[in-house]
PDB file of all heavy atoms in Angstrom:
ATOM      1  N   HIS A   1      51.196 147.279 133.026  1.00  0.00           N
ATOM      2  CA  HIS A   1      50.635 146.263 133.845  1.00  0.00           C
ATOM      3  C   HIS A   1      51.675 145.149 134.046  1.00  0.00           C
ATOM      4  O   HIS A   1      52.624 145.025 133.195  1.00  0.00           O
ATOM      5  CB  HIS A   1      49.349 145.793 133.262  1.00  0.00           C
ATOM      6  CG  HIS A   1      49.506 144.754 132.105  1.00  0.00           C
ATOM      7  ND1 HIS A   1      48.635 144.895 130.916  1.00  0.00           N
ATOM      8  CD2 HIS A   1      50.237 143.767 131.870  1.00  0.00           C
ATOM      9  CE1 HIS A   1      48.999 143.967 130.102  1.00  0.00           C
ATOM     10  NE2 HIS A   1      49.899 143.215 130.635  1.00  0.00           N
ATOM     11  N   LYS A   2      51.567 144.494 135.134  1.00  0.00           N
ATOM     12  CA  LYS A   2      52.388 143.410 135.503  1.00  0.00           C
ATOM     13  C   LYS A   2      51.521 142.181 135.741  1.00  0.00           C
ATOM     14  O   LYS A   2      50.427 142.216 136.285  1.00  0.00           O
ATOM     15  CB  LYS A   2      53.187 143.674 136.756  1.00  0.00           C
ATOM     16  CG  LYS A   2      54.182 144.809 136.697  1.00  0.00           C
ATOM     17  CD  LYS A   2      54.949 144.947 137.987  1.00  0.00           C
ATOM     18  CE  LYS A   2      55.689 143.744 138.523  1.00  0.00           C
ATOM     19  NZ  LYS A   2      56.560 143.943 139.603  1.00  0.00           N
ATOM     20  N   ASN A   3      52.094 140.979 135.264  1.00  0.00           N
ATOM     21  CA  ASN A   3      51.377 139.710 135.508  1.00  0.00           C
ATOM     22  C   ASN A   3      51.977 139.091 136.876  1.00  0.00           C
ATOM     23  O   ASN A   3      53.207 138.579 136.715  1.00  0.00           O
ATOM     24  CB  ASN A   3      51.542 138.849 134.392  1.00  0.00           C
ATOM     25  CG  ASN A   3      50.706 139.436 133.096  1.00  0.00           C
ATOM     26  OD1 ASN A   3      49.458 139.591 133.173  1.00  0.00           O
ATOM     27  ND2 ASN A   3      51.456 139.698 132.082  1.00  0.00           N
ATOM     28  N   ILE A   4      51.322 139.081 137.921  1.00  0.00           N
ATOM     29  CA  ILE A   4      51.776 138.607 139.138  1.00  0.00           C
ATOM     30  C   ILE A   4      51.184 137.312 139.526  1.00  0.00           C
ATOM     31  O   ILE A   4      49.872 137.197 139.533  1.00  0.00           O
ATOM     32  CB  ILE A   4      51.475 139.687 140.249  1.00  0.00           C
ATOM     33  CG1 ILE A   4      52.233 140.950 139.897  1.00  0.00           C
ATOM     34  CG2 ILE A   4      52.154 139.076 141.618  1.00  0.00           C
ATOM     35  CD1 ILE A   4      51.856 142.114 140.847  1.00  0.00           C
ATOM     36  N   PRO A   5      51.930 136.292 139.883  1.00  0.00           N
ATOM     37  CA  PRO A   5      51.365 134.879 140.247  1.00  0.00           C
ATOM     38  C   PRO A   5      50.442 135.079 141.599  1.00  0.00           C
ATOM     39  O   PRO A   5      50.752 135.740 142.450  1.00  0.00           O
ATOM     40  CB  PRO A   5      52.439 133.998 140.454  1.00  0.00           C
ATOM     41  CG  PRO A   5      53.679 134.758 139.877  1.00  0.00           C
ATOM     42  CD  PRO A   5      53.346 136.117 139.791  1.00  0.00           C
ATOM     43  N   VAL A   6      49.352 134.303 141.582  1.00  0.00           N
ATOM     44  CA  VAL A   6      48.677 134.074 142.802  1.00  0.00           C
ATOM     45  C   VAL A   6      49.544 133.504 143.852  1.00  0.00           C
ATOM     46  O   VAL A   6      50.431 132.724 143.512  1.00  0.00           O
ATOM     47  CB  VAL A   6      47.397 133.216 142.634  1.00  0.00           C
ATOM     48  CG1 VAL A   6      46.758 132.828 144.025  1.00  0.00           C
ATOM     49  CG2 VAL A   6      46.406 133.854 141.679  1.00  0.00           C
ATOM     50  N   GLN A   7      49.519 133.937 145.090  1.00  0.00           N
ATOM     51  CA  GLN A   7      50.567 133.597 146.048  1.00  0.00           C
ATOM     52  C   GLN A   7      50.491 132.146 146.749  1.00  0.00           C
ATOM     53  O   GLN A   7      51.410 131.646 147.173  1.00  0.00           O
ATOM     54  CB  GLN A   7      50.751 134.627 147.145  1.00  0.00           C
ATOM     55  CG  GLN A   7      51.303 136.029 146.551  1.00  0.00           C
ATOM     56  CD  GLN A   7      52.714 135.907 145.881  1.00  0.00           C
ATOM     57  OE1 GLN A   7      53.654 135.726 146.729  1.00  0.00           O
ATOM     58  NE2 GLN A   7      52.790 135.946 144.558  1.00  0.00           N
ATOM     59  N   SER A   8      49.271 131.744 146.673  1.00  0.00           N
ATOM     60  CA  SER A   8      49.106 130.419 147.128  1.00  0.00           C
ATOM     61  C   SER A   8      47.937 129.682 146.469  1.00  0.00           C
ATOM     62  O   SER A   8      46.782 130.327 146.274  1.00  0.00           O
ATOM     63  CB  SER A   8      48.878 130.358 148.649  1.00  0.00           C
ATOM     64  OG  SER A   8      47.708 131.120 149.129  1.00  0.00           O
ATOM     65  N   VAL A   9      47.981 128.428 146.069  1.00  0.00           N
ATOM     66  CA  VAL A   9      46.999 127.796 145.308  1.00  0.00           C
ATOM     67  C   VAL A   9      46.714 126.378 145.967  1.00  0.00           C
ATOM     68  O   VAL A   9      47.590 125.634 146.370  1.00  0.00           O
ATOM     69  CB  VAL A   9      47.385 127.671 143.841  1.00  0.00           C
ATOM     70  CG1 VAL A   9      46.423 126.641 143.208  1.00  0.00           C
ATOM     71  CG2 VAL A   9      47.349 128.953 143.217  1.00  0.00           C
ATOM     72  N   GLY A  10      45.504 125.999 146.003  1.00  0.00           N
ATOM     73  CA  GLY A  10      45.197 124.669 146.471  1.00  0.00           C
ATOM     74  C   GLY A  10      44.620 123.858 145.211  1.00  0.00           C
ATOM     75  O   GLY A  10      43.631 124.344 144.540  1.00  0.00           O
ATOM     76  N   CYS A  11      45.327 122.780 144.914  1.00  0.00           N
ATOM     77  CA  CYS A  11      44.962 122.006 143.651  1.00  0.00           C
ATOM     78  C   CYS A  11      44.188 120.648 144.203  1.00  0.00           C
ATOM     79  O   CYS A  11      44.864 119.931 144.838  1.00  0.00           O
ATOM     80  CB  CYS A  11      46.236 121.601 142.957  1.00  0.00           C
ATOM     81  SG  CYS A  11      47.168 122.996 142.339  1.00  0.00           S
ATOM     82  N   TYR A  12      42.988 120.608 143.692  1.00  0.00           N
ATOM     83  CA  TYR A  12      42.186 119.291 143.963  1.00  0.00           C
ATOM     84  C   TYR A  12      42.481 118.281 142.839  1.00  0.00           C
ATOM     85  O   TYR A  12      42.117 118.620 141.697  1.00  0.00           O
ATOM     86  CB  TYR A  12      40.854 119.562 144.226  1.00  0.00           C
ATOM     87  CG  TYR A  12      40.040 118.385 144.713  1.00  0.00           C
ATOM     88  CD1 TYR A  12      40.188 117.856 146.004  1.00  0.00           C
ATOM     89  CD2 TYR A  12      39.259 117.570 143.901  1.00  0.00           C
ATOM     90  CE1 TYR A  12      39.566 116.785 146.498  1.00  0.00           C
ATOM     91  CE2 TYR A  12      38.679 116.534 144.255  1.00  0.00           C
ATOM     92  CZ  TYR A  12      38.745 116.004 145.642  1.00  0.00           C
ATOM     93  OH  TYR A  12      38.182 114.975 146.115  1.00  0.00           O
ATOM     94  N   VAL A  13      43.009 117.141 143.213  1.00  0.00           N
ATOM     95  CA  VAL A  13      43.109 116.034 142.155  1.00  0.00           C
ATOM     96  C   VAL A  13      42.187 114.896 142.515  1.00  0.00           C
ATOM     97  O   VAL A  13      42.539 114.168 143.546  1.00  0.00           O
ATOM     98  CB  VAL A  13      44.619 115.601 142.238  1.00  0.00           C
ATOM     99  CG1 VAL A  13      44.942 114.540 141.298  1.00  0.00           C
ATOM    100  CG2 VAL A  13      45.491 116.909 142.013  1.00  0.00           C
ATOM    101  N   PRO A  14      41.160 114.609 141.866  1.00  0.00           N
ATOM    102  CA  PRO A  14      40.235 113.596 142.173  1.00  0.00           C
ATOM    103  C   PRO A  14      40.929 112.120 141.993  1.00  0.00           C
ATOM    104  O   PRO A  14      41.754 111.938 141.191  1.00  0.00           O
ATOM    105  CB  PRO A  14      39.198 113.654 141.038  1.00  0.00           C
ATOM    106  CG  PRO A  14      39.427 115.155 140.507  1.00  0.00           C
ATOM    107  CD  PRO A  14      40.715 115.485 140.598  1.00  0.00           C
ATOM    108  N   ALA A  15      40.532 111.323 142.885  1.00  0.00           N
ATOM    109  CA  ALA A  15      40.991 109.932 142.943  1.00  0.00           C
ATOM    110  C   ALA A  15      40.099 109.021 143.594  1.00  0.00           C
ATOM    111  O   ALA A  15      40.509 107.765 143.794  1.00  0.00           O
ATOM    112  CB  ALA A  15      42.374 109.834 143.628  1.00  0.00           C
ATOM    113  N   GLY A  16      38.898 109.337 143.967  1.00  0.00           N
ATOM    114  CA  GLY A  16      37.947 108.535 144.689  1.00  0.00           C
ATOM    115  C   GLY A  16      37.532 107.324 143.839  1.00  0.00           C
ATOM    116  O   GLY A  16      37.742 106.086 144.303  1.00  0.00           O
ATOM    117  N   LYS A  17      36.980 107.606 142.718  1.00  0.00           N
ATOM    118  CA  LYS A  17      36.434 106.472 141.858  1.00  0.00           C
ATOM    119  C   LYS A  17      37.580 106.036 140.861  1.00  0.00           C
ATOM    120  O   LYS A  17      37.803 104.786 140.719  1.00  0.00           O
ATOM    121  CB  LYS A  17      35.265 106.992 141.074  1.00  0.00           C
ATOM    122  CG  LYS A  17      34.693 105.965 140.128  1.00  0.00           C
ATOM    123  CD  LYS A  17      33.460 106.401 139.356  1.00  0.00           C
ATOM    124  CE  LYS A  17      32.316 106.476 140.125  1.00  0.00           C
ATOM    125  NZ  LYS A  17      31.838 105.165 140.596  1.00  0.00           N
ATOM    126  N   PHE A  18      38.346 106.998 140.323  1.00  0.00           N
ATOM    127  CA  PHE A  18      39.418 106.740 139.360  1.00  0.00           C
ATOM    128  C   PHE A  18      40.630 107.598 139.891  1.00  0.00           C
ATOM    129  O   PHE A  18      40.416 108.766 140.201  1.00  0.00           O
ATOM    130  CB  PHE A  18      39.086 107.026 137.929  1.00  0.00           C
ATOM    131  CG  PHE A  18      37.945 106.319 137.388  1.00  0.00           C
ATOM    132  CD1 PHE A  18      36.752 106.789 137.209  1.00  0.00           C
ATOM    133  CD2 PHE A  18      38.179 104.913 136.983  1.00  0.00           C
ATOM    134  CE1 PHE A  18      35.696 106.157 136.627  1.00  0.00           C
ATOM    135  CE2 PHE A  18      37.134 104.263 136.437  1.00  0.00           C
ATOM    136  CZ  PHE A  18      35.907 104.879 136.233  1.00  0.00           C
ATOM    137  N   PRO A  19      41.842 107.087 140.057  1.00  0.00           N
ATOM    138  CA  PRO A  19      43.089 107.820 140.320  1.00  0.00           C
ATOM    139  C   PRO A  19      43.378 108.710 139.172  1.00  0.00           C
ATOM    140  O   PRO A  19      44.049 108.282 138.212  1.00  0.00           O
ATOM    141  CB  PRO A  19      44.016 106.833 140.676  1.00  0.00           C
ATOM    142  CG  PRO A  19      43.552 105.590 139.939  1.00  0.00           C
ATOM    143  CD  PRO A  19      42.218 105.727 139.824  1.00  0.00           C
ATOM    144  N   MET A  20      43.084 109.924 139.201  1.00  0.00           N
ATOM    145  CA  MET A  20      43.167 110.922 138.072  1.00  0.00           C
ATOM    146  C   MET A  20      44.598 111.457 138.044  1.00  0.00           C
ATOM    147  O   MET A  20      44.775 112.735 138.399  1.00  0.00           O
ATOM    148  CB  MET A  20      42.078 111.945 138.001  1.00  0.00           C
ATOM    149  CG  MET A  20      40.767 111.394 137.701  1.00  0.00           C
ATOM    150  SD  MET A  20      39.415 112.537 137.456  1.00  0.00           S
ATOM    151  CE  MET A  20      39.895 113.393 136.127  1.00  0.00           C
ATOM    152  N   VAL A  21      45.605 110.678 137.646  1.00  0.00           N
ATOM    153  CA  VAL A  21      46.973 111.090 137.632  1.00  0.00           C
ATOM    154  C   VAL A  21      47.008 112.375 136.772  1.00  0.00           C
ATOM    155  O   VAL A  21      47.773 113.318 137.167  1.00  0.00           O
ATOM    156  CB  VAL A  21      47.847 109.943 137.079  1.00  0.00           C
ATOM    157  CG1 VAL A  21      49.265 110.467 136.888  1.00  0.00           C
ATOM    158  CG2 VAL A  21      47.759 108.680 137.830  1.00  0.00           C
ATOM    159  N   ALA A  22      46.310 112.445 135.675  1.00  0.00           N
ATOM    160  CA  ALA A  22      46.512 113.491 134.849  1.00  0.00           C
ATOM    161  C   ALA A  22      46.130 114.930 135.455  1.00  0.00           C
ATOM    162  O   ALA A  22      46.645 115.878 135.062  1.00  0.00           O
ATOM    163  CB  ALA A  22      45.641 113.318 133.641  1.00  0.00           C
ATOM    164  N   SER A  23      45.141 114.942 136.384  1.00  0.00           N
ATOM    165  CA  SER A  23      44.834 116.232 136.901  1.00  0.00           C
ATOM    166  C   SER A  23      45.953 116.888 137.720  1.00  0.00           C
ATOM    167  O   SER A  23      45.946 118.036 137.960  1.00  0.00           O
ATOM    168  CB  SER A  23      43.539 115.897 137.978  1.00  0.00           C
ATOM    169  OG  SER A  23      42.396 115.928 137.324  1.00  0.00           O
ATOM    170  N   ALA A  24      46.890 116.031 138.289  1.00  0.00           N
ATOM    171  CA  ALA A  24      48.061 116.609 138.848  1.00  0.00           C
ATOM    172  C   ALA A  24      48.930 117.484 137.763  1.00  0.00           C
ATOM    173  O   ALA A  24      49.266 118.565 138.133  1.00  0.00           O
ATOM    174  CB  ALA A  24      48.946 115.584 139.446  1.00  0.00           C
ATOM    175  N   HIS A  25      48.885 117.015 136.646  1.00  0.00           N
ATOM    176  CA  HIS A  25      49.687 117.675 135.577  1.00  0.00           C
ATOM    177  C   HIS A  25      49.026 119.085 135.338  1.00  0.00           C
ATOM    178  O   HIS A  25      49.532 120.220 135.072  1.00  0.00           O
ATOM    179  CB  HIS A  25      49.914 116.994 134.257  1.00  0.00           C
ATOM    180  CG  HIS A  25      50.079 115.478 134.315  1.00  0.00           C
ATOM    181  ND1 HIS A  25      50.753 114.879 135.374  1.00  0.00           N
ATOM    182  CD2 HIS A  25      49.677 114.496 133.439  1.00  0.00           C
ATOM    183  CE1 HIS A  25      50.784 113.649 135.124  1.00  0.00           C
ATOM    184  NE2 HIS A  25      50.091 113.318 134.052  1.00  0.00           N
ATOM    185  N   MET A  26      47.645 118.952 135.238  1.00  0.00           N
ATOM    186  CA  MET A  26      46.899 120.030 134.759  1.00  0.00           C
ATOM    187  C   MET A  26      46.770 121.170 135.698  1.00  0.00           C
ATOM    188  O   MET A  26      46.714 122.332 135.299  1.00  0.00           O
ATOM    189  CB  MET A  26      45.339 119.483 134.403  1.00  0.00           C
ATOM    190  CG  MET A  26      45.301 118.364 133.481  1.00  0.00           C
ATOM    191  SD  MET A  26      46.097 118.729 131.876  1.00  0.00           S
ATOM    192  CE  MET A  26      45.921 117.178 131.083  1.00  0.00           C
ATOM    193  N   SER A  27      46.899 120.864 136.954  1.00  0.00           N
ATOM    194  CA  SER A  27      46.716 122.005 138.030  1.00  0.00           C
ATOM    195  C   SER A  27      48.047 122.345 138.699  1.00  0.00           C
ATOM    196  O   SER A  27      48.420 123.434 138.705  1.00  0.00           O
ATOM    197  CB  SER A  27      45.655 121.581 139.093  1.00  0.00           C
ATOM    198  OG  SER A  27      45.978 120.413 139.760  1.00  0.00           O
ATOM    199  N   VAL A  28      48.741 121.162 139.227  1.00  0.00           N
ATOM    200  CA  VAL A  28      49.971 121.468 139.931  1.00  0.00           C
ATOM    201  C   VAL A  28      50.943 122.051 139.103  1.00  0.00           C
ATOM    202  O   VAL A  28      51.598 122.983 139.306  1.00  0.00           O
ATOM    203  CB  VAL A  28      50.398 120.215 140.639  1.00  0.00           C
ATOM    204  CG1 VAL A  28      51.691 120.504 141.332  1.00  0.00           C
ATOM    205  CG2 VAL A  28      49.364 119.773 141.698  1.00  0.00           C
ATOM    206  N   LEU A  29      51.236 121.308 138.019  1.00  0.00           N
ATOM    207  CA  LEU A  29      52.249 121.648 136.977  1.00  0.00           C
ATOM    208  C   LEU A  29      52.042 123.163 136.347  1.00  0.00           C
ATOM    209  O   LEU A  29      53.159 123.857 136.314  1.00  0.00           O
ATOM    210  CB  LEU A  29      52.474 120.569 136.017  1.00  0.00           C
ATOM    211  CG  LEU A  29      53.643 120.587 135.046  1.00  0.00           C
ATOM    212  CD1 LEU A  29      54.017 119.191 134.493  1.00  0.00           C
ATOM    213  CD2 LEU A  29      53.638 121.528 133.928  1.00  0.00           C
ATOM    214  N   THR A  30      50.942 123.396 136.066  1.00  0.00           N
ATOM    215  CA  THR A  30      50.682 124.663 135.383  1.00  0.00           C
ATOM    216  C   THR A  30      50.732 125.812 136.435  1.00  0.00           C
ATOM    217  O   THR A  30      51.274 126.855 136.052  1.00  0.00           O
ATOM    218  CB  THR A  30      49.247 124.750 134.747  1.00  0.00           C
ATOM    219  OG1 THR A  30      48.331 124.195 135.639  1.00  0.00           O
ATOM    220  CG2 THR A  30      49.217 123.898 133.491  1.00  0.00           C
ATOM    221  N   ALA A  31      50.437 125.468 137.755  1.00  0.00           N
ATOM    222  CA  ALA A  31      50.805 126.531 138.683  1.00  0.00           C
ATOM    223  C   ALA A  31      52.147 126.724 138.922  1.00  0.00           C
ATOM    224  O   ALA A  31      52.544 127.845 139.089  1.00  0.00           O
ATOM    225  CB  ALA A  31      50.035 125.978 140.128  1.00  0.00           C
TER     226      ALA A  31
END
């Protein structure tokens, strides 16, 4: 077996009530 990355990802980073800076690390960086 091979581990192949998903070819495109949409990362949602909440910021409406609080600017959730950390969510960028958690989704974008790990991708």
